[in-house]
Amino acid sequence: MTTNSDSGMPESPPGVDWDAEAVTFDDEPDHGLRDPEVRRAWAERLGAWLPALPSDVLDLGCGTGSLSLLAAERGHRVTGVDLSPAMVDLARAKLAGRAAVFLVGDAAAPPVGEERFDVVLVRHVLWALPDPERVLRGWSGLLRPGGRLVLVEGVWGTVSPVGIPARRLTGLLAPLAGDIRVETLSDDARLWGREVEDERYAVVARPSLQ
């Protein structure tokens, strides 16, 4: 998800040409992970969120594949999905030669057929989708028994905030998951390349209805 350069806040999706945005998408520190410290911070978080053993990871709204690359570097097999063909092209180039497949498609209804995964990883996507409750049920259904959702979300801005608060997201997950863990990310400036004051967090949930 692209951000406003002044506020760090994701832009509202309507009218955004994501193929055009792909050209500069990785310029944001937490998108391209070009700064070694930012990259290391995200790698550490993923190491805690993802299984220790090589697993099948579905990265929805994968963008240019930066998180997919970190997961692949840990030995995981990655399937990435993004609505933008340009983003998918960049992700394929970024992970060339690795155990990764990238598909053009809707994160809310990924084109993966009957394939199931150990992890569904989604960053800064759910807040922008209509009917998040339905989407979360669908994502839970893509998991193998014992699998987990890893959702990185937040609320950005103070004047006209956009996003999904952690309290609301955990409420939506409560009927689906017996194990829900919330991890605050706002206090780790390394993840964003700067200090932030808004709400940023990750939820790791293990759905009980699969």
Protein backbone atom coordinates (compact mmCIF):
# COMPACT_ATOMS: atom_id res chain seq x y z
CA MET A 1 0.00 0.00 0.00
CA THR A 2 1.48 3.33 -0.98
CA THR A 3 1.78 6.19 1.50
CA ASN A 4 1.50 9.94 1.62
CA SER A 5 5.06 11.23 1.85
CA ASP A 6 4.15 13.88 4.44
CA SER A 7 2.16 11.78 6.88
CA GLY A 8 3.28 8.21 6.20
CA MET A 9 -0.41 7.39 5.95
CA PRO A 10 -1.72 5.01 3.28
CA GLU A 11 -3.65 6.73 0.56
CA SER A 12 -7.28 5.86 0.00
CA PRO A 13 -7.47 3.10 -2.64
CA PRO A 14 -10.18 4.54 -4.96
CA GLY A 15 -8.63 6.02 -8.08
CA VAL A 16 -5.09 4.85 -7.31
CA ASP A 17 -3.28 3.46 -10.35
CA TRP A 18 -1.21 0.76 -8.68
CA ASP A 19 0.63 -0.07 -11.91
CA ALA A 20 1.84 3.53 -12.01
CA GLU A 21 2.62 3.48 -8.27
CA ALA A 22 4.78 0.39 -8.74
CA VAL A 23 7.57 2.49 -10.23
CA THR A 24 8.22 4.30 -6.93
CA PHE A 25 6.60 1.87 -4.49
CA ASP A 26 9.91 0.64 -3.08
CA ASP A 27 11.05 4.19 -2.28
CA GLU A 28 9.15 3.99 1.02
CA PRO A 29 11.52 2.53 3.66
CA ASP A 30 9.08 -0.18 4.78
CA HIS A 31 8.18 -1.11 1.18
CA GLY A 32 11.53 -1.57 -0.51
CA LEU A 33 13.45 -2.47 2.66
CA ARG A 34 16.55 -0.98 1.04
CA ASP A 35 17.93 0.34 4.32
CA PRO A 36 19.78 -2.53 6.04
CA GLU A 37 18.39 -1.61 9.48
CA VAL A 38 14.79 -1.49 8.23
CA ARG A 39 15.27 -4.76 6.40
CA ARG A 40 16.78 -6.40 9.47
CA ALA A 41 13.89 -5.19 11.64
CA TRP A 42 11.26 -6.74 9.34
CA ALA A 43 13.30 -9.94 9.02
CA GLU A 44 13.38 -10.26 12.81
CA ARG A 45 9.62 -9.78 13.07
CA LEU A 46 8.89 -12.30 10.33
CA GLY A 47 11.20 -14.76 12.05
CA ALA A 48 8.96 -14.58 15.10
CA TRP A 49 5.65 -14.64 13.19
CA LEU A 50 6.35 -17.41 10.68
CA PRO A 51 6.92 -21.11 11.46
CA ALA A 52 10.46 -22.21 12.24
CA LEU A 53 10.36 -24.99 9.64
CA PRO A 54 9.99 -24.36 5.89
CA SER A 55 6.30 -23.76 5.19
CA ASP A 56 3.91 -22.62 2.48
CA VAL A 57 3.22 -18.89 2.81
CA LEU A 58 0.52 -16.98 0.94
CA ASP A 59 1.43 -13.28 0.75
CA LEU A 60 -1.71 -11.34 -0.18
CA GLY A 61 -1.38 -7.82 -1.54
CA CYS A 62 2.29 -8.66 -1.88
CA GLY A 63 3.24 -5.49 -3.75
CA THR A 64 6.77 -5.76 -5.09
CA GLY A 65 7.49 -8.82 -2.96
CA SER A 66 9.71 -7.42 -0.21
CA LEU A 67 8.13 -9.50 2.58
CA SER A 68 7.91 -12.46 0.22
CA LEU A 69 11.66 -12.23 -0.26
CA LEU A 70 12.31 -12.19 3.48
CA ALA A 71 10.10 -15.26 3.89
CA ALA A 72 11.83 -17.06 1.01
CA GLU A 73 15.23 -16.28 2.52
CA ARG A 74 14.09 -18.17 5.63
CA GLY A 75 13.37 -21.24 3.50
CA HIS A 76 9.62 -20.79 3.08
CA ARG A 77 7.80 -21.46 -0.18
CA VAL A 78 5.90 -18.33 -1.16
CA THR A 79 2.85 -17.65 -3.27
CA GLY A 80 2.26 -13.92 -3.75
CA VAL A 81 -0.93 -12.30 -5.02
CA ASP A 82 -1.41 -8.68 -6.07
CA LEU A 83 -4.02 -6.89 -8.17
CA SER A 84 -1.36 -4.93 -10.06
CA PRO A 85 0.43 -6.70 -12.93
CA ALA A 86 3.30 -4.21 -12.62
CA MET A 87 3.74 -5.03 -8.93
CA VAL A 88 3.68 -8.74 -9.74
CA ASP A 89 6.33 -8.28 -12.44
CA LEU A 90 8.62 -6.53 -9.95
CA ALA A 91 8.02 -9.23 -7.35
CA ARG A 92 8.86 -11.97 -9.84
CA ALA A 93 12.11 -10.21 -10.71
CA LYS A 94 12.95 -9.65 -7.05
CA LEU A 95 12.53 -13.35 -6.22
CA ALA A 96 13.87 -14.83 -9.44
CA GLY A 97 15.41 -18.24 -8.79
CA ARG A 98 13.66 -18.73 -5.44
CA ALA A 99 10.78 -20.98 -4.41
CA ALA A 100 8.14 -18.37 -5.16
CA VAL A 101 5.16 -17.96 -7.47
CA PHE A 102 3.35 -14.67 -8.08
CA LEU A 103 -0.19 -14.32 -9.37
CA VAL A 104 -2.26 -11.35 -10.50
CA GLY A 105 -5.49 -11.37 -8.53
CA ASP A 106 -7.70 -9.93 -5.81
CA ALA A 107 -6.40 -10.34 -2.25
CA ALA A 108 -9.99 -10.71 -1.06
CA ALA A 109 -10.50 -13.72 -3.34
CA PRO A 110 -7.04 -15.00 -4.29
CA PRO A 111 -6.82 -17.24 -7.38
CA VAL A 112 -5.25 -20.24 -5.64
CA GLY A 113 -7.95 -22.84 -6.28
CA GLU A 114 -7.91 -25.69 -3.77
CA GLU A 115 -4.37 -25.01 -2.58
CA ARG A 116 -3.98 -24.53 1.15
CA PHE A 117 -1.21 -22.82 3.14
CA ASP A 118 0.49 -22.85 6.51
CA VAL A 119 0.49 -19.03 6.69
CA VAL A 120 -1.61 -16.28 5.18
CA LEU A 121 0.49 -13.09 5.42
CA VAL A 122 -1.20 -9.75 4.74
CA ARG A 123 0.24 -6.27 5.30
CA HIS A 124 -1.77 -3.02 5.04
CA VAL A 125 -4.53 -4.55 2.91
CA LEU A 126 -7.48 -5.59 5.10
CA TRP A 127 -8.32 -2.02 6.15
CA ALA A 128 -9.04 -1.09 2.52
CA LEU A 129 -11.29 -4.07 1.70
CA PRO A 130 -15.08 -4.03 1.94
CA ASP A 131 -16.63 -6.53 4.37
CA PRO A 132 -13.48 -7.47 6.33
CA GLU A 133 -15.43 -10.02 8.35
CA ARG A 134 -16.21 -12.01 5.20
CA VAL A 135 -12.63 -11.61 3.95
CA LEU A 136 -11.19 -12.96 7.21
CA ARG A 137 -13.43 -16.01 7.00
CA GLY A 138 -12.22 -16.61 3.46
CA TRP A 139 -8.57 -16.23 4.44
CA SER A 140 -9.03 -18.61 7.37
CA GLY A 141 -10.41 -21.17 4.93
CA LEU A 142 -7.16 -21.04 2.96
CA LEU A 143 -5.20 -22.37 5.92
CA ARG A 144 -4.22 -25.94 6.65
CA PRO A 145 -5.05 -27.27 10.12
CA GLY A 146 -2.73 -25.57 12.58
CA GLY A 147 -2.03 -22.69 10.18
CA ARG A 148 -1.93 -19.04 11.11
CA LEU A 149 -2.95 -15.61 9.88
CA VAL A 150 -0.28 -12.90 10.12
CA LEU A 151 -1.96 -9.51 9.67
CA VAL A 152 -0.02 -6.24 9.79
CA GLU A 153 -2.39 -3.28 10.05
CA GLY A 154 -2.86 0.10 11.68
CA VAL A 155 -4.68 3.42 11.83
CA TRP A 156 -2.89 6.23 10.04
CA GLY A 157 -3.34 9.99 10.46
CA THR A 158 -4.94 12.17 13.11
CA VAL A 159 -7.18 14.64 11.22
CA SER A 160 -8.90 12.09 8.99
CA PRO A 161 -7.57 8.73 10.21
CA VAL A 162 -7.91 5.66 8.02
CA GLY A 163 -7.25 2.04 8.87
CA ILE A 164 -8.54 -0.61 11.21
CA PRO A 165 -7.87 -0.45 14.97
CA ALA A 166 -6.42 -3.52 16.65
CA ARG A 167 -9.45 -3.74 18.92
CA ARG A 168 -11.79 -4.00 15.94
CA LEU A 169 -9.64 -6.53 14.14
CA THR A 170 -9.35 -8.80 17.16
CA GLY A 171 -13.11 -8.54 17.58
CA LEU A 172 -13.64 -9.69 14.00
CA LEU A 173 -11.22 -12.59 14.56
CA ALA A 174 -12.73 -13.70 17.87
CA PRO A 175 -15.41 -15.98 16.33
CA LEU A 176 -12.78 -17.56 14.06
CA ALA A 177 -9.67 -17.97 16.20
CA GLY A 178 -9.00 -19.35 19.64
CA ASP A 179 -5.45 -18.03 19.74
CA ILE A 180 -4.99 -14.32 18.92
CA ARG A 181 -1.83 -12.37 19.70
CA VAL A 182 -1.40 -8.63 19.14
CA GLU A 183 2.07 -7.11 18.78
CA THR A 184 2.57 -3.34 18.85
CA LEU A 185 4.76 -2.03 16.04
CA SER A 186 4.46 1.72 16.55
CA ASP A 187 7.28 1.82 19.06
CA ASP A 188 9.90 0.33 16.73
CA ALA A 189 11.14 3.14 14.48
CA ARG A 190 13.43 0.70 12.67
CA LEU A 191 10.42 -0.85 10.92
CA TRP A 192 9.36 2.46 9.36
CA GLY A 193 12.66 4.26 8.92
CA ARG A 194 11.49 6.97 11.33
CA GLU A 195 9.54 7.57 14.52
CA VAL A 196 5.77 7.18 14.21
CA GLU A 197 2.95 8.18 16.55
CA ASP A 198 -0.06 6.44 15.02
CA GLU A 199 -1.33 2.92 15.71
CA ARG A 200 0.62 0.18 13.95
CA TYR A 201 0.46 -3.46 14.97
CA ALA A 202 0.54 -7.09 13.92
CA VAL A 203 -1.94 -9.81 14.78
CA VAL A 204 -0.99 -13.48 14.69
CA ALA A 205 -4.10 -15.66 14.87
CA ARG A 206 -4.64 -19.40 14.67
CA PRO A 207 -8.18 -20.01 13.41
CA SER A 208 -10.13 -22.74 15.14
CA LEU A 209 -12.67 -23.15 12.31
CA GLN A 210 -10.75 -24.63 9.37
